[in-house]
Amino acid sequence: MRVSAVREAGVLTVRVQGEVDRDTAGRLRVGLRHGVATAGPDRMVIDLAGVPLIDAAGVAVLLDASSAAAVAEVELGIVGAQPYVARILAVSGLAPLMTDG
């Protein structure tokens, strides 16, 4: 799994590529926490277009990022979730964060 970040036009986009599971969730948590900490006034978007699979550990990381963003008053969105991943996020309570961009 790879995590990269790009800041452009007031949006910090954190791109995730690869499977997010119990073996990779820790790295994603660090990346997303860093993103929230450095977002400042920018909106933060988590791009999951490159994620074919996410398990409960990955969902927990996204929920953690959502909580951290709320505390830091950073607007957070999730984009690009493939159908399988989107279904998992929807039943996990993350549907309100999913946007088209």
Protein backbone atom coordinates (compact mmCIF):
# COMPACT_ATOMS: atom_id res chain seq x y z
CA MET A 1 0.00 0.00 0.00
CA ARG A 2 1.20 3.52 -0.84
CA VAL A 3 0.04 6.86 0.53
CA SER A 4 0.90 10.16 -1.17
CA ALA A 5 -0.34 13.70 -0.72
CA VAL A 6 -0.77 16.62 -3.11
CA ARG A 7 -1.92 20.12 -2.19
CA GLU A 8 -3.65 22.04 -4.97
CA ALA A 9 -6.17 24.90 -5.05
CA GLY A 10 -7.06 24.74 -1.37
CA VAL A 11 -7.42 20.96 -1.27
CA LEU A 12 -5.03 18.46 0.29
CA THR A 13 -5.59 15.18 -1.56
CA VAL A 14 -4.27 12.04 0.10
CA ARG A 15 -4.12 9.24 -2.47
CA VAL A 16 -4.14 5.67 -1.27
CA GLN A 17 -3.11 2.78 -3.52
CA GLY A 18 -3.30 -0.90 -2.65
CA GLU A 19 -5.19 -3.04 -0.19
CA VAL A 20 -5.94 -1.52 3.20
CA ASP A 21 -5.99 -4.29 5.79
CA ARG A 22 -4.61 -5.05 9.23
CA ASP A 23 -1.08 -5.26 7.83
CA THR A 24 -1.17 -1.80 6.22
CA ALA A 25 -3.68 0.11 8.36
CA GLY A 26 -1.00 1.51 10.68
CA ARG A 27 0.83 3.20 7.81
CA LEU A 28 -2.42 4.67 6.53
CA ARG A 29 -3.31 5.96 10.01
CA VAL A 30 0.03 7.79 10.22
CA GLY A 31 -0.42 9.27 6.74
CA LEU A 32 -3.96 10.47 7.40
CA ARG A 33 -3.13 11.88 10.83
CA HIS A 34 -0.22 13.79 9.25
CA GLY A 35 -2.58 15.06 6.55
CA VAL A 36 -5.08 16.33 9.12
CA ALA A 37 -2.30 17.99 11.09
CA THR A 38 -0.94 19.80 8.04
CA ALA A 39 -4.19 20.57 6.20
CA GLY A 40 -4.57 23.97 7.85
CA PRO A 41 -7.45 25.83 6.24
CA ASP A 42 -7.49 23.47 3.26
CA ARG A 43 -10.11 20.81 2.67
CA MET A 44 -8.72 17.27 2.90
CA VAL A 45 -9.83 14.58 0.46
CA ILE A 46 -8.96 10.91 0.77
CA ASP A 47 -8.78 9.41 -2.73
CA LEU A 48 -9.49 5.68 -2.61
CA ALA A 49 -9.61 5.08 -6.38
CA GLY A 50 -6.55 2.83 -6.10
CA VAL A 51 -7.96 0.72 -3.24
CA PRO A 52 -9.53 -2.56 -4.37
CA LEU A 53 -10.06 -3.92 -0.83
CA ILE A 54 -10.55 -2.52 2.66
CA ASP A 55 -11.18 -4.50 5.83
CA ALA A 56 -12.32 -3.58 9.34
CA ALA A 57 -8.87 -2.25 10.26
CA GLY A 58 -8.96 0.10 7.27
CA VAL A 59 -12.46 1.28 8.14
CA ALA A 60 -11.28 1.97 11.70
CA VAL A 61 -8.47 4.13 10.30
CA LEU A 62 -10.94 6.14 8.18
CA LEU A 63 -13.21 6.61 11.19
CA ASP A 64 -10.19 7.78 13.19
CA ALA A 65 -9.28 10.25 10.45
CA SER A 66 -12.84 11.53 10.42
CA SER A 67 -12.74 12.12 14.18
CA ALA A 68 -9.33 13.79 14.00
CA ALA A 69 -10.51 16.05 11.17
CA ALA A 70 -13.61 17.05 13.14
CA VAL A 71 -11.51 17.97 16.18
CA ALA A 72 -9.08 19.96 13.98
CA GLU A 73 -12.01 21.58 12.12
CA VAL A 74 -10.74 20.26 8.79
CA GLU A 75 -13.39 19.53 6.16
CA LEU A 76 -12.94 15.90 5.08
CA GLY A 77 -14.22 13.96 2.09
CA ILE A 78 -13.69 10.54 0.55
CA VAL A 79 -13.63 10.18 -3.23
CA GLY A 80 -13.07 7.46 -5.81
CA ALA A 81 -14.20 4.46 -3.78
CA GLN A 82 -14.69 1.43 -6.01
CA PRO A 83 -18.13 -0.24 -5.67
CA TYR A 84 -16.99 -2.95 -3.22
CA VAL A 85 -15.14 -0.45 -1.03
CA ALA A 86 -18.02 2.05 -1.25
CA ARG A 87 -20.47 -0.58 0.04
CA ILE A 88 -18.23 -1.33 3.01
CA LEU A 89 -17.84 2.37 3.81
CA ALA A 90 -21.58 2.94 3.51
CA VAL A 91 -22.47 0.25 6.06
CA SER A 92 -19.69 1.52 8.34
CA GLY A 93 -21.20 4.97 8.72
CA LEU A 94 -18.80 6.73 6.37
CA ALA A 95 -21.32 7.37 3.57
CA PRO A 96 -21.76 11.07 4.51
CA LEU A 97 -18.08 11.66 3.71
CA MET A 98 -18.23 10.12 0.24
CA THR A 99 -18.39 12.72 -2.52
CA ASP A 100 -17.83 12.97 -6.26
CA GLY A 101 -14.82 15.24 -5.87
